[in-house]
């Protein structure tokens, strides 16, 4: 596991659908957010079914950021594996 600490947060390298992804650890988050580009790079044969959502995130600046879709996937960090909702 690669822990990348910086002034902007604590990052880890996780494996999602056979892809290594650098993720910000947010212990207070209910969901994990992946960029559209990250999801598009997943192997087509491994992509889970995505479900449309009508919700958005409100950033610390008050900006509304819409979620496009959501699903549940396995995220592996080191030897730990969890099933987690991602949008």
N, C-alpha and C. Protein backbone atom coordinates (compact mmCIF):
# COMPACT_ATOMS: atom_id res chain seq x y z
N UNK A 1 0.85 -1.17 0.00
CA UNK A 1 0.00 0.00 0.00
C UNK A 1 0.89 1.23 0.00
N UNK A 2 0.56 2.16 -0.84
CA UNK A 2 1.33 3.38 -0.98
C UNK A 2 0.57 4.52 -0.33
N UNK A 3 1.09 5.07 0.76
CA UNK A 3 0.43 6.18 1.43
C UNK A 3 1.10 7.47 1.01
N UNK A 4 0.35 8.33 0.38
CA UNK A 4 0.89 9.58 -0.10
C UNK A 4 0.34 10.71 0.76
N UNK A 5 1.09 11.14 1.74
CA UNK A 5 0.64 12.21 2.61
C UNK A 5 1.06 13.55 2.04
N UNK A 6 0.21 14.53 2.15
CA UNK A 6 0.54 15.87 1.69
C UNK A 6 -0.32 16.87 2.45
N UNK A 7 -0.07 18.14 2.21
CA UNK A 7 -0.88 19.18 2.84
C UNK A 7 -2.32 19.15 2.36
N UNK A 8 -2.58 18.52 1.22
CA UNK A 8 -3.93 18.48 0.67
C UNK A 8 -4.72 17.24 1.08
N UNK A 9 -4.15 16.39 1.91
CA UNK A 9 -4.89 15.22 2.37
C UNK A 9 -4.03 13.97 2.44
N UNK A 10 -4.69 12.88 2.80
CA UNK A 10 -4.04 11.58 2.93
C UNK A 10 -4.54 10.69 1.80
N UNK A 11 -3.64 10.23 0.96
CA UNK A 11 -4.00 9.45 -0.23
C UNK A 11 -3.46 8.03 -0.11
N UNK A 12 -4.22 7.08 -0.68
CA UNK A 12 -3.78 5.68 -0.76
C UNK A 12 -3.99 5.20 -2.19
N UNK A 13 -3.25 4.19 -2.55
CA UNK A 13 -3.48 3.53 -3.82
C UNK A 13 -4.40 2.34 -3.58
N UNK A 14 -5.55 2.36 -4.23
CA UNK A 14 -6.53 1.29 -4.09
C UNK A 14 -6.66 0.58 -5.42
N UNK A 15 -7.15 -0.66 -5.39
CA UNK A 15 -7.42 -1.40 -6.62
C UNK A 15 -8.92 -1.51 -6.78
N UNK A 16 -9.40 -1.02 -7.92
CA UNK A 16 -10.82 -1.08 -8.25
C UNK A 16 -10.93 -1.68 -9.65
N UNK A 17 -11.62 -2.80 -9.76
CA UNK A 17 -11.81 -3.47 -11.06
C UNK A 17 -10.49 -3.62 -11.81
N UNK A 18 -9.49 -4.13 -11.08
CA UNK A 18 -8.17 -4.42 -11.62
C UNK A 18 -7.38 -3.18 -12.04
N UNK A 19 -7.79 -2.00 -11.60
CA UNK A 19 -7.08 -0.75 -11.90
C UNK A 19 -6.59 -0.13 -10.60
N UNK A 20 -5.32 0.30 -10.59
CA UNK A 20 -4.81 1.03 -9.44
C UNK A 20 -5.28 2.48 -9.54
N UNK A 21 -5.88 2.97 -8.45
CA UNK A 21 -6.45 4.31 -8.41
C UNK A 21 -5.95 5.00 -7.14
N UNK A 22 -5.42 6.20 -7.27
CA UNK A 22 -5.03 6.98 -6.10
C UNK A 22 -6.27 7.67 -5.57
N UNK A 23 -6.57 7.43 -4.29
CA UNK A 23 -7.79 7.95 -3.69
C UNK A 23 -7.48 8.75 -2.43
N UNK A 24 -8.23 9.83 -2.23
CA UNK A 24 -8.16 10.61 -1.01
C UNK A 24 -8.97 9.89 0.06
N UNK A 25 -8.39 9.70 1.24
CA UNK A 25 -9.10 9.08 2.35
C UNK A 25 -9.91 10.15 3.06
N UNK A 26 -11.23 9.94 3.13
CA UNK A 26 -12.14 10.84 3.85
C UNK A 26 -12.95 9.97 4.78
N UNK A 27 -12.55 9.91 6.03
CA UNK A 27 -13.18 9.00 6.98
C UNK A 27 -14.63 9.38 7.30
N UNK A 28 -15.06 10.58 6.94
CA UNK A 28 -16.42 10.99 7.22
C UNK A 28 -17.36 10.85 6.03
N UNK A 29 -16.87 10.34 4.92
CA UNK A 29 -17.69 10.26 3.71
C UNK A 29 -18.61 9.04 3.73
N UNK A 30 -19.82 9.22 3.21
CA UNK A 30 -20.77 8.11 3.08
C UNK A 30 -20.59 7.36 1.78
N UNK A 31 -20.05 8.02 0.78
CA UNK A 31 -19.81 7.42 -0.52
C UNK A 31 -18.42 7.82 -1.00
N UNK A 32 -17.92 7.12 -1.99
CA UNK A 32 -16.68 7.50 -2.66
C UNK A 32 -17.04 8.02 -4.04
N UNK A 33 -16.36 9.05 -4.46
CA UNK A 33 -16.64 9.68 -5.75
C UNK A 33 -15.49 9.39 -6.69
N UNK A 34 -15.82 8.87 -7.86
CA UNK A 34 -14.83 8.61 -8.90
C UNK A 34 -15.11 9.53 -10.07
N UNK A 35 -14.04 10.00 -10.71
CA UNK A 35 -14.22 10.85 -11.88
C UNK A 35 -14.78 10.03 -13.04
N UNK A 36 -15.44 10.72 -13.95
CA UNK A 36 -15.98 10.07 -15.14
C UNK A 36 -14.85 9.40 -15.92
N UNK A 37 -13.70 10.05 -15.99
CA UNK A 37 -12.55 9.50 -16.72
C UNK A 37 -12.06 8.19 -16.08
N UNK A 38 -12.05 8.13 -14.75
CA UNK A 38 -11.62 6.91 -14.06
C UNK A 38 -12.56 5.76 -14.40
N UNK A 39 -13.85 5.99 -14.33
CA UNK A 39 -14.84 4.96 -14.64
C UNK A 39 -14.73 4.52 -16.09
N UNK A 40 -14.51 5.46 -17.00
CA UNK A 40 -14.39 5.12 -18.42
C UNK A 40 -13.16 4.26 -18.71
N UNK A 41 -12.15 4.30 -17.83
CA UNK A 41 -10.94 3.50 -18.04
C UNK A 41 -11.04 2.08 -17.48
N UNK A 42 -12.12 1.75 -16.78
CA UNK A 42 -12.30 0.39 -16.30
C UNK A 42 -12.53 -0.54 -17.49
N UNK A 43 -12.02 -1.77 -17.41
CA UNK A 43 -12.27 -2.73 -18.49
C UNK A 43 -13.77 -2.95 -18.69
N UNK A 44 -14.21 -2.88 -19.92
CA UNK A 44 -15.64 -2.99 -20.23
C UNK A 44 -16.26 -4.25 -19.64
N UNK A 45 -15.55 -5.36 -19.73
CA UNK A 45 -16.10 -6.64 -19.26
C UNK A 45 -16.29 -6.67 -17.74
N UNK A 46 -15.60 -5.80 -17.01
CA UNK A 46 -15.68 -5.79 -15.55
C UNK A 46 -16.60 -4.71 -14.99
N UNK A 47 -17.04 -3.79 -15.84
CA UNK A 47 -17.84 -2.67 -15.35
C UNK A 47 -19.16 -3.16 -14.77
N UNK A 48 -19.46 -2.72 -13.55
CA UNK A 48 -20.75 -3.11 -12.96
C UNK A 48 -21.87 -2.27 -13.57
N UNK A 49 -23.10 -2.71 -13.37
CA UNK A 49 -24.23 -1.93 -13.84
C UNK A 49 -24.29 -0.63 -13.05
N UNK A 50 -24.44 0.48 -13.77
CA UNK A 50 -24.53 1.79 -13.14
C UNK A 50 -25.98 2.23 -13.13
N UNK A 51 -26.39 2.90 -12.06
CA UNK A 51 -27.77 3.34 -11.91
C UNK A 51 -27.82 4.87 -11.85
N UNK A 52 -28.69 5.49 -12.65
CA UNK A 52 -28.78 6.96 -12.62
C UNK A 52 -29.26 7.46 -11.26
N UNK A 53 -28.79 8.63 -10.88
CA UNK A 53 -29.20 9.24 -9.61
C UNK A 53 -29.58 10.70 -9.85
N UNK A 54 -30.43 11.19 -9.01
CA UNK A 54 -30.86 12.59 -9.06
C UNK A 54 -30.42 13.29 -7.78
N UNK A 55 -29.13 13.35 -7.57
CA UNK A 55 -28.61 13.97 -6.36
C UNK A 55 -27.32 14.71 -6.69
N UNK A 56 -26.89 15.54 -5.80
CA UNK A 56 -25.65 16.27 -6.02
C UNK A 56 -24.92 16.47 -4.70
N UNK A 57 -23.68 16.79 -4.83
CA UNK A 57 -22.81 17.07 -3.70
C UNK A 57 -22.73 18.59 -3.58
N UNK A 58 -22.73 19.11 -2.37
CA UNK A 58 -22.51 20.53 -2.16
C UNK A 58 -21.11 20.69 -1.59
N UNK A 59 -20.25 21.38 -2.33
CA UNK A 59 -18.86 21.53 -1.91
C UNK A 59 -18.75 22.53 -0.78
N UNK A 60 -17.58 22.64 -0.21
CA UNK A 60 -17.33 23.57 0.88
C UNK A 60 -17.57 25.02 0.45
N UNK A 61 -17.45 25.29 -0.85
CA UNK A 61 -17.70 26.64 -1.35
C UNK A 61 -19.16 26.88 -1.70
N UNK A 62 -19.99 25.84 -1.53
CA UNK A 62 -21.41 25.96 -1.84
C UNK A 62 -21.77 25.55 -3.26
N UNK A 63 -20.77 25.20 -4.05
CA UNK A 63 -21.01 24.76 -5.43
C UNK A 63 -21.71 23.41 -5.43
N UNK A 64 -22.77 23.26 -6.26
CA UNK A 64 -23.45 21.97 -6.42
C UNK A 64 -22.75 21.19 -7.52
N UNK A 65 -22.39 19.96 -7.21
CA UNK A 65 -21.71 19.08 -8.16
C UNK A 65 -22.61 17.86 -8.34
N UNK A 66 -23.18 17.69 -9.54
CA UNK A 66 -24.11 16.58 -9.73
C UNK A 66 -23.40 15.23 -9.81
N UNK A 67 -24.03 14.22 -9.25
CA UNK A 67 -23.59 12.84 -9.45
C UNK A 67 -24.26 12.36 -10.73
N UNK A 68 -23.56 11.57 -11.51
CA UNK A 68 -24.12 11.05 -12.75
C UNK A 68 -24.80 9.71 -12.53
N UNK A 69 -24.10 8.80 -11.85
CA UNK A 69 -24.61 7.44 -11.64
C UNK A 69 -24.02 6.91 -10.33
N UNK A 70 -24.52 5.75 -9.90
CA UNK A 70 -23.92 5.10 -8.74
C UNK A 70 -23.94 3.60 -8.92
N UNK A 71 -23.11 2.92 -8.15
CA UNK A 71 -23.06 1.47 -8.14
C UNK A 71 -22.34 1.04 -6.87
N UNK A 72 -22.28 -0.24 -6.63
CA UNK A 72 -21.47 -0.78 -5.54
C UNK A 72 -20.37 -1.62 -6.15
N UNK A 73 -19.14 -1.37 -5.71
CA UNK A 73 -18.00 -2.13 -6.22
C UNK A 73 -17.07 -2.50 -5.08
N UNK A 74 -16.20 -3.47 -5.36
CA UNK A 74 -15.20 -3.87 -4.39
C UNK A 74 -13.99 -2.96 -4.52
N UNK A 75 -13.57 -2.40 -3.39
CA UNK A 75 -12.37 -1.57 -3.34
C UNK A 75 -11.37 -2.30 -2.46
N UNK A 76 -10.16 -2.50 -2.97
CA UNK A 76 -9.10 -3.19 -2.22
C UNK A 76 -8.00 -2.19 -1.87
N UNK A 77 -7.69 -2.12 -0.58
CA UNK A 77 -6.58 -1.31 -0.11
C UNK A 77 -5.70 -2.24 0.70
N UNK A 78 -4.54 -2.57 0.14
CA UNK A 78 -3.69 -3.58 0.78
C UNK A 78 -4.42 -4.91 0.78
N UNK A 79 -4.55 -5.52 1.96
CA UNK A 79 -5.25 -6.80 2.05
C UNK A 79 -6.72 -6.63 2.41
N UNK A 80 -7.15 -5.40 2.66
CA UNK A 80 -8.54 -5.12 3.02
C UNK A 80 -9.40 -4.99 1.77
N UNK A 81 -10.56 -5.63 1.78
CA UNK A 81 -11.52 -5.55 0.67
C UNK A 81 -12.86 -5.14 1.24
N UNK A 82 -13.47 -4.13 0.62
CA UNK A 82 -14.79 -3.69 1.05
C UNK A 82 -15.68 -3.50 -0.17
N UNK A 83 -16.97 -3.68 0.03
CA UNK A 83 -17.96 -3.34 -0.99
C UNK A 83 -18.48 -1.97 -0.60
N UNK A 84 -18.38 -1.03 -1.52
CA UNK A 84 -18.69 0.36 -1.20
C UNK A 84 -19.47 1.00 -2.32
N UNK A 85 -20.37 1.92 -1.96
CA UNK A 85 -21.12 2.69 -2.95
C UNK A 85 -20.23 3.77 -3.53
N UNK A 86 -20.18 3.84 -4.85
CA UNK A 86 -19.42 4.89 -5.53
C UNK A 86 -20.33 5.62 -6.49
N UNK A 87 -20.08 6.88 -6.64
CA UNK A 87 -20.82 7.72 -7.59
C UNK A 87 -19.85 8.37 -8.53
